[in-house]
């Protein structure tokens, strides 16, 4: 994954694609910061986690831009998200996410909302990068509240 990002960085430089170049440079910088913190090279899962955080930050920015009625910034940020999504694994459908959450519920056998942490730990290990964790959290809360 890391090599793919570096190769794409070179390609963006050659093609003089400024938007792609700036997005990949931001990702590369975030990866390097994470590597400094961990004092080792990142695994593919950790790289996906870094990219996922970048996407989440941009989605939060879009919400703020909508409040400020800044369509130009919304469009630019959506373009950045599209570029970042190329590096993410295939996203699971809502049915697939629900199936995995049901499996986690059968493993953990929660009794109340207090079990949210244990369920989220399992869900994060199985779904991180493959589904929107905000959506996963909402599904889990909904299932726990109906116990």
N, C-alpha and C. Protein backbone atom coordinates (compact mmCIF):
# COMPACT_ATOMS: atom_id res chain seq x y z
N UNK A 1 0.84 -1.19 0.00
CA UNK A 1 0.00 0.00 0.00
C UNK A 1 0.89 1.25 0.00
N UNK A 2 1.88 1.23 0.86
CA UNK A 2 2.78 2.37 0.96
C UNK A 2 3.47 2.64 -0.37
N UNK A 3 3.94 1.56 -1.02
CA UNK A 3 4.63 1.71 -2.30
C UNK A 3 3.68 2.22 -3.38
N UNK A 4 2.43 1.77 -3.33
CA UNK A 4 1.44 2.24 -4.30
C UNK A 4 1.23 3.74 -4.16
N UNK A 5 1.18 4.23 -2.95
CA UNK A 5 1.00 5.67 -2.71
C UNK A 5 2.20 6.44 -3.25
N UNK A 6 3.40 5.94 -2.98
CA UNK A 6 4.60 6.62 -3.47
C UNK A 6 4.67 6.60 -5.00
N UNK A 7 4.27 5.49 -5.61
CA UNK A 7 4.25 5.41 -7.07
C UNK A 7 3.23 6.40 -7.65
N UNK A 8 2.06 6.47 -7.01
CA UNK A 8 1.04 7.41 -7.48
C UNK A 8 1.49 8.86 -7.31
N UNK A 9 2.29 9.11 -6.28
CA UNK A 9 2.84 10.45 -6.07
C UNK A 9 3.72 10.83 -7.26
N UNK A 10 4.58 9.89 -7.68
CA UNK A 10 5.46 10.14 -8.83
C UNK A 10 4.64 10.37 -10.10
N UNK A 11 3.61 9.54 -10.29
CA UNK A 11 2.75 9.68 -11.47
C UNK A 11 2.05 11.03 -11.49
N UNK A 12 1.56 11.47 -10.34
CA UNK A 12 0.88 12.77 -10.25
C UNK A 12 1.85 13.91 -10.57
N UNK A 13 3.11 13.74 -10.14
CA UNK A 13 4.12 14.76 -10.46
C UNK A 13 4.35 14.82 -11.96
N UNK A 14 4.51 13.65 -12.58
CA UNK A 14 4.76 13.60 -14.02
C UNK A 14 3.58 14.17 -14.81
N UNK A 15 2.36 13.86 -14.36
CA UNK A 15 1.16 14.31 -15.06
C UNK A 15 0.80 15.75 -14.70
N UNK A 16 1.50 16.32 -13.74
CA UNK A 16 1.24 17.67 -13.23
C UNK A 16 -0.22 17.82 -12.76
N UNK A 17 -0.70 16.78 -12.09
CA UNK A 17 -2.05 16.76 -11.52
C UNK A 17 -1.95 17.34 -10.11
N UNK A 18 -2.19 18.63 -9.99
CA UNK A 18 -1.94 19.33 -8.72
C UNK A 18 -2.84 18.85 -7.59
N UNK A 19 -4.10 18.59 -7.87
CA UNK A 19 -5.02 18.16 -6.82
C UNK A 19 -4.59 16.80 -6.26
N UNK A 20 -4.37 15.83 -7.14
CA UNK A 20 -3.94 14.50 -6.70
C UNK A 20 -2.62 14.59 -5.96
N UNK A 21 -1.72 15.38 -6.49
CA UNK A 21 -0.41 15.54 -5.88
C UNK A 21 -0.53 16.08 -4.45
N UNK A 22 -1.35 17.11 -4.27
CA UNK A 22 -1.47 17.69 -2.92
C UNK A 22 -2.12 16.72 -1.95
N UNK A 23 -3.13 15.97 -2.41
CA UNK A 23 -3.81 15.00 -1.54
C UNK A 23 -2.84 13.88 -1.14
N UNK A 24 -2.08 13.35 -2.12
CA UNK A 24 -1.15 12.26 -1.82
C UNK A 24 -0.03 12.76 -0.90
N UNK A 25 0.39 13.99 -1.10
CA UNK A 25 1.42 14.54 -0.21
C UNK A 25 0.90 14.66 1.23
N UNK A 26 -0.37 15.06 1.38
CA UNK A 26 -0.96 15.14 2.73
C UNK A 26 -1.00 13.75 3.37
N UNK A 27 -1.38 12.75 2.59
CA UNK A 27 -1.44 11.37 3.11
C UNK A 27 -0.04 10.91 3.49
N UNK A 28 0.92 11.18 2.61
CA UNK A 28 2.29 10.78 2.88
C UNK A 28 2.80 11.43 4.17
N UNK A 29 2.48 12.70 4.36
CA UNK A 29 2.88 13.39 5.58
C UNK A 29 2.24 12.79 6.81
N UNK A 30 0.95 12.45 6.71
CA UNK A 30 0.25 11.82 7.84
C UNK A 30 0.85 10.45 8.14
N UNK A 31 1.22 9.72 7.08
CA UNK A 31 1.85 8.41 7.27
C UNK A 31 3.20 8.57 7.97
N UNK A 32 3.98 9.55 7.55
CA UNK A 32 5.29 9.76 8.16
C UNK A 32 5.16 10.16 9.62
N UNK A 33 4.17 10.97 9.94
CA UNK A 33 3.94 11.34 11.35
C UNK A 33 3.61 10.10 12.18
N UNK A 34 2.76 9.26 11.64
CA UNK A 34 2.37 8.04 12.34
C UNK A 34 3.58 7.11 12.52
N UNK A 35 4.42 7.04 11.48
CA UNK A 35 5.62 6.21 11.58
C UNK A 35 6.59 6.75 12.63
N UNK A 36 6.70 8.07 12.72
CA UNK A 36 7.54 8.66 13.76
C UNK A 36 7.02 8.31 15.14
N UNK A 37 5.70 8.38 15.30
CA UNK A 37 5.09 8.06 16.59
C UNK A 37 5.29 6.60 16.96
N UNK A 38 5.18 5.70 15.97
CA UNK A 38 5.31 4.27 16.23
C UNK A 38 6.75 3.78 16.15
N UNK A 39 7.63 4.61 15.60
CA UNK A 39 9.05 4.29 15.45
C UNK A 39 9.27 3.04 14.60
N UNK A 40 8.42 2.86 13.57
CA UNK A 40 8.57 1.75 12.62
C UNK A 40 7.71 2.07 11.40
N UNK A 41 7.93 1.27 10.35
CA UNK A 41 7.14 1.44 9.14
C UNK A 41 5.73 0.90 9.38
N UNK A 42 4.73 1.56 8.79
CA UNK A 42 3.34 1.16 8.99
C UNK A 42 2.98 -0.07 8.18
N UNK A 43 2.07 -0.87 8.73
CA UNK A 43 1.51 -2.00 7.98
C UNK A 43 0.44 -1.46 7.05
N UNK A 44 -0.03 -2.29 6.13
CA UNK A 44 -1.09 -1.86 5.21
C UNK A 44 -2.35 -1.46 5.97
N UNK A 45 -2.70 -2.21 7.03
CA UNK A 45 -3.89 -1.87 7.82
C UNK A 45 -3.73 -0.51 8.48
N UNK A 46 -2.54 -0.22 8.95
CA UNK A 46 -2.30 1.08 9.59
C UNK A 46 -2.33 2.21 8.57
N UNK A 47 -1.86 1.95 7.35
CA UNK A 47 -1.94 2.96 6.29
C UNK A 47 -3.41 3.23 5.96
N UNK A 48 -4.20 2.17 5.88
CA UNK A 48 -5.64 2.33 5.61
C UNK A 48 -6.28 3.13 6.73
N UNK A 49 -5.87 2.90 7.96
CA UNK A 49 -6.40 3.66 9.08
C UNK A 49 -6.06 5.14 8.95
N UNK A 50 -4.84 5.45 8.54
CA UNK A 50 -4.43 6.85 8.34
C UNK A 50 -5.28 7.49 7.26
N UNK A 51 -5.49 6.78 6.15
CA UNK A 51 -6.30 7.32 5.05
C UNK A 51 -7.74 7.50 5.51
N UNK A 52 -8.24 6.55 6.29
CA UNK A 52 -9.59 6.63 6.82
C UNK A 52 -9.77 7.88 7.67
N UNK A 53 -8.77 8.20 8.49
CA UNK A 53 -8.82 9.41 9.31
C UNK A 53 -8.83 10.66 8.43
N UNK A 54 -8.08 10.63 7.34
CA UNK A 54 -8.05 11.76 6.40
C UNK A 54 -9.45 11.97 5.79
N UNK A 55 -10.09 10.87 5.42
CA UNK A 55 -11.44 10.96 4.85
C UNK A 55 -12.42 11.50 5.87
N UNK A 56 -12.32 10.99 7.09
CA UNK A 56 -13.22 11.44 8.16
C UNK A 56 -13.07 12.94 8.41
N UNK A 57 -11.83 13.42 8.43
CA UNK A 57 -11.57 14.84 8.63
C UNK A 57 -12.22 15.67 7.53
N UNK A 58 -12.10 15.20 6.31
CA UNK A 58 -12.67 15.93 5.18
C UNK A 58 -14.20 15.93 5.23
N UNK A 59 -14.79 14.81 5.64
CA UNK A 59 -16.25 14.76 5.77
C UNK A 59 -16.74 15.74 6.83
N UNK A 60 -15.98 15.85 7.93
CA UNK A 60 -16.33 16.81 8.97
C UNK A 60 -16.21 18.23 8.43
N UNK A 61 -15.21 18.47 7.60
CA UNK A 61 -15.03 19.80 7.00
C UNK A 61 -16.21 20.14 6.09
N UNK A 62 -16.70 19.15 5.36
CA UNK A 62 -17.84 19.40 4.46
C UNK A 62 -19.05 19.88 5.25
N UNK A 63 -19.28 19.29 6.42
CA UNK A 63 -20.40 19.72 7.26
C UNK A 63 -20.26 21.20 7.61
N UNK A 64 -19.04 21.60 7.96
CA UNK A 64 -18.79 23.01 8.30
C UNK A 64 -18.96 23.91 7.08
N UNK A 65 -18.50 23.44 5.93
CA UNK A 65 -18.63 24.24 4.71
C UNK A 65 -20.09 24.41 4.33
N UNK A 66 -20.90 23.38 4.58
CA UNK A 66 -22.34 23.48 4.29
C UNK A 66 -22.98 24.54 5.17
N UNK A 67 -22.55 24.61 6.43
CA UNK A 67 -23.08 25.64 7.33
C UNK A 67 -22.73 27.04 6.82
N UNK A 68 -21.55 27.16 6.24
CA UNK A 68 -21.09 28.45 5.72
C UNK A 68 -21.51 28.69 4.28
N UNK A 69 -22.26 27.72 3.71
CA UNK A 69 -22.76 27.85 2.34
C UNK A 69 -21.62 28.06 1.34
N UNK A 70 -20.56 27.25 1.45
CA UNK A 70 -19.39 27.37 0.58
C UNK A 70 -19.32 26.18 -0.37
N UNK A 71 -20.07 26.24 -1.44
CA UNK A 71 -20.13 25.14 -2.40
C UNK A 71 -18.79 24.87 -3.05
N UNK A 72 -17.98 25.92 -3.27
CA UNK A 72 -16.67 25.73 -3.89
C UNK A 72 -15.78 24.84 -3.04
N UNK A 73 -15.80 25.08 -1.73
CA UNK A 73 -14.99 24.25 -0.82
C UNK A 73 -15.54 22.84 -0.69
N UNK A 74 -16.86 22.71 -0.73
CA UNK A 74 -17.50 21.39 -0.67
C UNK A 74 -17.07 20.56 -1.87
N UNK A 75 -17.11 21.16 -3.06
CA UNK A 75 -16.72 20.45 -4.28
C UNK A 75 -15.26 20.02 -4.24
N UNK A 76 -14.39 20.93 -3.80
CA UNK A 76 -12.96 20.62 -3.73
C UNK A 76 -12.70 19.48 -2.73
N UNK A 77 -13.37 19.54 -1.60
CA UNK A 77 -13.18 18.50 -0.57
C UNK A 77 -13.73 17.16 -1.05
N UNK A 78 -14.85 17.17 -1.76
CA UNK A 78 -15.39 15.92 -2.31
C UNK A 78 -14.41 15.31 -3.32
N UNK A 79 -13.74 16.15 -4.09
CA UNK A 79 -12.73 15.65 -5.04
C UNK A 79 -11.58 14.98 -4.29
N UNK A 80 -11.17 15.58 -3.17
CA UNK A 80 -10.10 14.99 -2.36
C UNK A 80 -10.54 13.64 -1.80
N UNK A 81 -11.79 13.54 -1.35
CA UNK A 81 -12.30 12.29 -0.80
C UNK A 81 -12.30 11.20 -1.88
N UNK A 82 -12.68 11.58 -3.11
CA UNK A 82 -12.66 10.61 -4.22
C UNK A 82 -11.26 10.04 -4.42
N UNK A 83 -10.25 10.91 -4.37
CA UNK A 83 -8.87 10.47 -4.55
C UNK A 83 -8.48 9.52 -3.42
N UNK A 84 -8.83 9.87 -2.19
CA UNK A 84 -8.49 9.04 -1.03
C UNK A 84 -9.20 7.68 -1.08
N UNK A 85 -10.42 7.67 -1.58
CA UNK A 85 -11.19 6.42 -1.63
C UNK A 85 -10.55 5.38 -2.53
N UNK A 86 -9.70 5.81 -3.47
CA UNK A 86 -9.01 4.86 -4.35
C UNK A 86 -8.11 3.92 -3.55
N UNK A 87 -7.66 4.37 -2.38
CA UNK A 87 -6.73 3.58 -1.56
C UNK A 87 -7.44 2.75 -0.50
N UNK A 88 -8.73 2.95 -0.37
CA UNK A 88 -9.49 2.23 0.65
C UNK A 88 -9.95 0.88 0.09
N UNK A 89 -10.08 -0.13 0.97
CA UNK A 89 -10.62 -1.41 0.51
C UNK A 89 -12.09 -1.22 0.11
N UNK A 90 -12.60 -2.17 -0.62
CA UNK A 90 -14.00 -2.12 -1.06
C UNK A 90 -14.89 -1.99 0.17
N UNK A 91 -15.80 -1.02 0.14
CA UNK A 91 -16.70 -0.80 1.26
C UNK A 91 -17.80 -1.87 1.26
N UNK A 92 -18.13 -2.35 2.45
CA UNK A 92 -19.16 -3.37 2.60
C UNK A 92 -20.54 -2.74 2.49
N UNK A 93 -21.49 -3.52 2.01
CA UNK A 93 -22.87 -3.03 1.94
C UNK A 93 -23.47 -3.03 3.36
N UNK A 94 -24.59 -2.36 3.51
CA UNK A 94 -25.24 -2.28 4.82
C UNK A 94 -25.64 -3.67 5.31
N UNK A 95 -26.08 -4.53 4.39
CA UNK A 95 -26.46 -5.90 4.77
C UNK A 95 -25.26 -6.68 5.30
N UNK A 96 -24.11 -6.53 4.61
CA UNK A 96 -22.90 -7.22 5.05
C UNK A 96 -22.45 -6.72 6.42
N UNK A 97 -22.55 -5.40 6.63
CA UNK A 97 -22.18 -4.81 7.92
C UNK A 97 -23.10 -5.37 9.02
N UNK A 98 -24.40 -5.40 8.74
CA UNK A 98 -25.35 -5.93 9.73
C UNK A 98 -25.07 -7.39 10.05
N UNK A 99 -24.70 -8.17 9.04
CA UNK A 99 -24.40 -9.58 9.26
C UNK A 99 -23.19 -9.74 10.19
N UNK A 100 -22.15 -8.95 9.96
CA UNK A 100 -20.95 -9.01 10.80
C UNK A 100 -21.27 -8.56 12.22
N UNK A 101 -22.08 -7.52 12.35
CA UNK A 101 -22.47 -7.04 13.69
C UNK A 101 -23.29 -8.11 14.41
N UNK A 102 -24.17 -8.80 13.69
CA UNK A 102 -24.94 -9.89 14.30
C UNK A 102 -24.01 -11.00 14.80
N UNK A 103 -22.98 -11.31 14.01
CA UNK A 103 -22.00 -12.32 14.44
C UNK A 103 -21.28 -11.87 15.72
N UNK A 104 -20.93 -10.60 15.77
CA UNK A 104 -20.25 -10.06 16.96
C UNK A 104 -21.18 -10.16 18.17
N UNK A 105 -22.46 -9.84 17.97
CA UNK A 105 -23.42 -9.93 19.06
C UNK A 105 -23.53 -11.36 19.57
N UNK A 106 -23.50 -12.34 18.67
CA UNK A 106 -23.61 -13.74 19.11
C UNK A 106 -22.34 -14.17 19.85
N UNK A 107 -21.18 -13.60 19.49
CA UNK A 107 -19.93 -13.92 20.19
C UNK A 107 -19.89 -13.28 21.58
N UNK A 108 -20.19 -11.97 21.63
CA UNK A 108 -20.05 -11.20 22.87
C UNK A 108 -21.24 -11.41 23.81
N UNK A 109 -22.41 -11.62 23.26
CA UNK A 109 -23.66 -11.77 24.00
C UNK A 109 -23.87 -10.62 24.99
N UNK A 110 -24.06 -9.42 24.47
CA UNK A 110 -24.24 -8.25 25.34
C UNK A 110 -25.57 -8.30 26.08
N UNK A 111 -25.59 -7.68 27.26
CA UNK A 111 -26.81 -7.64 28.06
C UNK A 111 -27.34 -6.22 28.21
N UNK A 112 -26.47 -5.22 28.03
CA UNK A 112 -26.91 -3.83 28.17
C UNK A 112 -25.97 -2.90 27.39
N UNK A 113 -26.25 -1.61 27.48
CA UNK A 113 -25.42 -0.60 26.81
C UNK A 113 -23.99 -0.62 27.33
N UNK A 114 -23.76 -1.17 28.52
CA UNK A 114 -22.41 -1.22 29.09
C UNK A 114 -21.45 -2.06 28.24
N UNK A 115 -22.01 -2.93 27.43
CA UNK A 115 -21.19 -3.79 26.58
C UNK A 115 -20.79 -3.12 25.26
N UNK A 116 -21.14 -1.86 25.09
CA UNK A 116 -20.85 -1.14 23.85
C UNK A 116 -19.36 -1.16 23.52
N UNK A 117 -18.51 -0.95 24.52
CA UNK A 117 -17.06 -0.92 24.30
C UNK A 117 -16.53 -2.23 23.75
N UNK A 118 -16.96 -3.34 24.34
CA UNK A 118 -16.50 -4.65 23.90
C UNK A 118 -16.96 -4.93 22.47
N UNK A 119 -18.18 -4.55 22.16
CA UNK A 119 -18.70 -4.78 20.82
C UNK A 119 -17.98 -3.90 19.81
N UNK A 120 -17.74 -2.64 20.16
CA UNK A 120 -17.05 -1.72 19.25
C UNK A 120 -15.61 -2.18 18.99
N UNK A 121 -14.95 -2.73 20.01
CA UNK A 121 -13.59 -3.25 19.81
C UNK A 121 -13.58 -4.34 18.74
N UNK A 122 -14.51 -5.26 18.88
CA UNK A 122 -14.62 -6.35 17.90
C UNK A 122 -14.98 -5.81 16.52
N UNK A 123 -15.94 -4.89 16.49
CA UNK A 123 -16.39 -4.32 15.22
C UNK A 123 -15.26 -3.56 14.53
N UNK A 124 -14.49 -2.83 15.31
CA UNK A 124 -13.38 -2.06 14.74
C UNK A 124 -12.35 -3.00 14.13
N UNK A 125 -12.05 -4.09 14.81
CA UNK A 125 -11.05 -5.02 14.27
C UNK A 125 -11.53 -5.68 12.98
N UNK A 126 -12.84 -5.90 12.86
CA UNK A 126 -13.37 -6.59 11.69
C UNK A 126 -13.79 -5.64 10.56
N UNK A 127 -14.17 -4.41 10.91
CA UNK A 127 -14.78 -3.53 9.91
C UNK A 127 -13.98 -2.27 9.60
N UNK A 128 -12.92 -1.99 10.35
CA UNK A 128 -12.20 -0.73 10.15
C UNK A 128 -11.68 -0.62 8.72
N UNK A 129 -12.02 0.46 8.06
CA UNK A 129 -11.61 0.68 6.69
C UNK A 129 -12.56 0.08 5.67
N UNK A 130 -13.41 -0.83 6.11
CA UNK A 130 -14.34 -1.48 5.20
C UNK A 130 -15.75 -0.92 5.31
N UNK A 131 -15.99 -0.12 6.37
CA UNK A 131 -17.30 0.47 6.58
C UNK A 131 -17.12 1.77 7.37
N UNK A 132 -18.11 2.64 7.26
CA UNK A 132 -18.10 3.89 8.02
C UNK A 132 -18.36 3.55 9.49
N UNK A 133 -17.36 3.79 10.32
CA UNK A 133 -17.46 3.39 11.73
C UNK A 133 -18.53 4.18 12.48
N UNK A 134 -18.86 5.37 12.02
CA UNK A 134 -19.97 6.13 12.62
C UNK A 134 -21.29 5.40 12.40
N UNK A 135 -21.46 4.89 11.18
CA UNK A 135 -22.65 4.12 10.85
C UNK A 135 -22.69 2.82 11.66
N UNK A 136 -21.54 2.17 11.79
CA UNK A 136 -21.44 0.93 12.57
C UNK A 136 -21.84 1.19 14.02
N UNK A 137 -21.33 2.27 14.58
CA UNK A 137 -21.64 2.64 15.96
C UNK A 137 -23.14 2.87 16.14
N UNK A 138 -23.76 3.55 15.17
CA UNK A 138 -25.19 3.82 15.26
C UNK A 138 -26.00 2.52 15.21
N UNK A 139 -25.59 1.59 14.35
CA UNK A 139 -26.30 0.30 14.24
C UNK A 139 -26.17 -0.47 15.57
N UNK A 140 -24.97 -0.46 16.15
CA UNK A 140 -24.75 -1.18 17.41
C UNK A 140 -25.59 -0.56 18.53
N UNK A 141 -25.58 0.78 18.62
CA UNK A 141 -26.39 1.45 19.65
C UNK A 141 -27.86 1.09 19.50
N UNK A 142 -28.34 1.09 18.27
CA UNK A 142 -29.73 0.76 18.02
C UNK A 142 -30.04 -0.66 18.47
N UNK A 143 -29.16 -1.61 18.15
CA UNK A 143 -29.39 -3.01 18.55
C UNK A 143 -29.31 -3.16 20.08
N UNK A 144 -28.39 -2.44 20.72
CA UNK A 144 -28.27 -2.53 22.18
C UNK A 144 -29.48 -1.93 22.88
N UNK A 145 -30.01 -0.86 22.33
CA UNK A 145 -31.17 -0.21 22.98
C UNK A 145 -32.42 -1.08 22.88
N UNK A 146 -32.44 -2.00 21.92
CA UNK A 146 -33.62 -2.87 21.78
C UNK A 146 -33.49 -4.18 22.54
N UNK A 147 -32.41 -4.31 23.34
CA UNK A 147 -32.25 -5.54 24.14
C UNK A 147 -33.19 -5.56 25.31
